[in-house]
Protein backbone atom coordinates (compact mmCIF):
# COMPACT_ATOMS: atom_id res chain seq x y z
CA MET A 1 -6.08 -56.83 -40.31
CA LEU A 2 -8.64 -54.78 -38.77
CA ALA A 3 -6.62 -54.53 -35.74
CA VAL A 4 -3.86 -53.13 -37.55
CA GLU A 5 -6.10 -50.51 -39.34
CA LEU A 6 -7.29 -49.45 -35.75
CA VAL A 7 -3.66 -49.27 -34.16
CA ARG A 8 -2.71 -46.90 -37.14
CA ILE A 9 -5.89 -44.94 -36.99
CA ARG A 10 -4.95 -44.39 -33.10
CA ARG A 11 -1.52 -43.35 -34.41
CA GLN A 12 -2.49 -41.09 -36.68
CA SER A 13 -5.22 -39.44 -34.25
CA THR A 14 -3.00 -39.07 -31.64
CA ARG A 15 0.07 -37.46 -34.34
CA LEU A 16 -3.39 -35.23 -35.29
CA ALA A 17 -3.96 -34.17 -31.64
CA THR A 18 0.12 -33.28 -30.99
CA SER A 19 0.15 -31.31 -34.61
CA ARG A 20 -3.01 -29.40 -33.45
CA ALA A 21 -1.28 -28.60 -30.15
CA GLN A 22 1.51 -27.44 -31.82
CA LEU A 23 -0.04 -25.18 -34.17
CA GLN A 24 -1.93 -23.53 -31.23
CA SER A 25 1.19 -23.03 -29.32
CA VAL A 26 2.93 -21.26 -32.24
CA MET A 27 -0.30 -19.32 -32.97
CA MET A 28 -0.13 -18.27 -29.34
CA GLN A 29 3.58 -17.26 -29.47
CA VAL A 30 3.13 -15.29 -32.79
CA ASN A 31 0.38 -13.21 -30.71
CA GLU A 32 2.46 -12.78 -28.22
CA ALA A 33 5.23 -11.39 -30.31
CA PHE A 34 2.67 -8.93 -31.97
CA SER A 35 1.66 -7.79 -28.40
CA VAL A 36 5.11 -7.53 -27.30
CA ARG A 37 5.85 -5.28 -30.76
CA LYS A 38 2.81 -3.48 -29.75
CA ILE A 39 4.06 -2.32 -26.00
CA GLU A 40 7.22 -1.72 -27.63
CA GLY A 41 5.77 1.09 -29.91
CA SER A 42 3.66 2.53 -27.12
CA ILE A 43 7.01 2.61 -24.56
CA ARG A 44 8.76 4.50 -27.39
CA ALA A 45 6.12 6.90 -27.86
CA SER A 46 5.67 7.56 -24.06
CA THR A 47 9.50 7.95 -23.67
CA SER A 48 9.44 10.76 -26.30
CA VAL A 49 6.38 12.49 -24.62
CA MET A 50 8.29 12.20 -21.45
CA LYS A 51 11.37 13.83 -22.70
CA ASP A 52 9.20 16.63 -24.16
CA VAL A 53 7.45 17.17 -20.89
CA ASN A 54 10.75 16.98 -19.09
CA SER A 55 12.22 19.57 -21.03
CA LEU A 56 9.24 22.04 -20.60
CA ILE A 57 9.37 21.51 -16.87
CA ARG A 58 12.20 23.21 -14.76
CA LEU A 59 12.77 21.32 -11.81
CA PRO A 60 14.30 24.46 -9.67
CA GLU A 61 11.31 26.31 -10.82
CA LEU A 62 8.80 24.09 -9.95
CA THR A 63 10.36 23.41 -6.39
CA GLY A 64 10.25 27.20 -5.79
CA THR A 65 6.67 27.42 -6.55
CA MET A 66 5.90 23.98 -4.48
CA ARG A 67 7.55 25.91 -1.49
CA GLU A 68 5.51 29.15 -1.92
CA LEU A 69 2.21 27.12 -2.32
CA SER A 70 3.48 25.23 0.86
CA MET A 71 3.85 28.62 2.78
CA GLU A 72 0.77 30.01 1.71
CA LEU A 73 -1.21 26.80 2.68
CA VAL A 74 0.56 26.78 6.18
CA LYS A 75 -0.56 30.82 6.41
CA ALA A 76 -3.94 29.93 5.53
CA GLY A 77 -4.07 27.49 8.12
CA ILE A 78 -2.79 29.59 10.99
CA ILE A 79 -5.30 32.22 9.82
CA GLU A 80 -8.25 29.72 10.13
CA GLU A 81 -6.86 28.29 13.64
CA MET A 82 -6.93 32.25 14.83
CA LEU A 83 -10.40 32.63 13.54
CA ASP A 84 -11.54 29.52 15.18
CA ASP A 85 -9.84 30.69 18.41
CA THR A 86 -11.25 33.75 18.65
CA LEU A 87 -14.85 33.15 17.22
CA PRO A 88 -16.29 30.21 19.26
CA ALA A 89 -19.37 28.67 18.13
CA GLU A 90 -21.75 30.50 20.47
CA GLN A 91 -20.41 33.76 19.17
CA GLU A 92 -21.30 32.70 15.46
CA LEU A 93 -24.85 32.16 16.25
CA ASP A 94 -24.94 35.66 18.24
CA MET A 95 -23.72 37.16 15.05
CA ASP A 96 -25.99 35.30 12.84
CA GLU A 97 -28.80 36.93 15.12
CA GLU A 98 -27.35 40.23 15.00
CA VAL A 99 -26.79 40.04 11.09
CA GLU A 100 -30.43 38.92 10.83
CA GLY A 101 -31.56 42.13 12.72
CA GLU A 102 -29.29 44.61 10.66
CA VAL A 103 -31.02 42.50 7.60
CA ASP A 104 -34.30 43.61 8.93
CA LYS A 105 -33.46 47.10 9.84
CA VAL A 106 -32.33 47.75 6.44
CA LEU A 107 -35.23 46.14 4.65
CA GLY A 108 -37.47 48.39 7.21
CA GLU A 109 -35.71 51.37 5.78
CA ILE A 110 -36.10 50.63 2.47
CA MET A 111 -39.73 49.26 2.62
CA ALA A 112 -40.94 52.07 5.24
CA GLY A 113 -43.05 53.58 2.44
CA LYS A 114 -44.38 50.61 0.67
CA LEU A 115 -45.55 49.52 4.09
CA GLN A 116 -47.09 52.57 5.20
CA LYS A 117 -49.43 52.02 1.96
CA THR A 118 -50.52 49.01 3.30
CA GLY A 119 -50.87 50.17 6.91
CA GLU A 120 -48.07 47.80 8.25
CA VAL A 121 -45.39 49.29 10.40
CA PRO A 122 -42.00 47.71 10.33
CA SER A 123 -41.28 45.77 13.45
CA ALA A 124 -37.35 46.52 13.86
CA PRO A 125 -36.10 49.81 15.13
CA LEU A 126 -34.64 52.19 12.82
CA THR A 127 -31.77 53.25 15.04
CA GLU A 128 -27.97 51.98 15.57
CA PRO A 129 -27.93 50.10 19.16
CA GLU A 130 -24.68 51.08 21.17
CA PRO A 131 -22.05 48.90 21.22
CA GLU A 132 -21.71 46.29 23.94
CA PRO A 133 -18.89 45.68 25.73
CA GLU A 134 -18.53 42.15 24.48
CA GLN A 135 -18.29 43.77 20.69
CA MET A 136 -15.59 46.00 22.10
CA GLU A 137 -13.65 42.73 22.92
CA ASP A 138 -14.46 41.28 19.59
CA GLU A 139 -12.91 44.61 17.94
CA ALA A 140 -9.65 44.29 20.25
CA GLY A 141 -9.49 40.51 19.24
CA LEU A 142 -9.86 41.58 15.53
CA GLU A 143 -7.06 43.98 16.02
CA ASP A 144 -4.88 41.54 17.62
CA MET A 145 -5.62 39.22 14.77
CA ARG A 146 -4.73 41.94 12.37
CA GLN A 147 -1.28 42.53 14.26
CA ARG A 148 -0.57 38.66 14.03
CA LEU A 149 -1.40 38.55 10.27
CA ALA A 150 0.94 41.46 9.55
CA ILE A 151 3.82 39.68 11.44
CA LEU A 152 2.93 36.51 9.43
CA LYS A 153 3.11 38.60 6.07
CA SER A 154 6.38 39.79 6.85
C-alpha cells in the first residue's frame, strides 16, 4: 500500500509540474500579446506622425535646397583651395609677424603720451614701410583670386 501511495504522489507531483509549466507558458503568451498591442499602438502613432511630416515637407523644394547647398559647399571648397594655393604656410608665418609689427605700431601711437610720462620710448617705428616686391605679388595674386571668385559667382 505504501508503494501505491508513493506512485500516486509521484503522478500528482508530475501533473503539478506539468500544470505549472503550462500556466507559465500561458502567462508568457499573454505578456507577449500585451507587448504586441503596445508595439502596434506605437506604430500607429508613428505612422500618423510620418503622414503629418510628409505633408509638411515638399520633396521638390527640399531637393532644390539641397542642390543649392551642395553648390555653395563646392564653391567654399574651391575658394579654400585657392586660398591654400596662394598662401603657403611660410607666408602665413610672415604675415603673422607683419601683423604683430602693425599692432606694435598702433599701440606705440596710442600709448606714446603715456609712455613719455614714464620715460619709455616705443620701440616700433611710427612710419609705414615701403611695399616690398613680395607684397606686390601677393596683391596680384589676390586680384587673380577675386577674378576667379567673380567667375564662380556668375
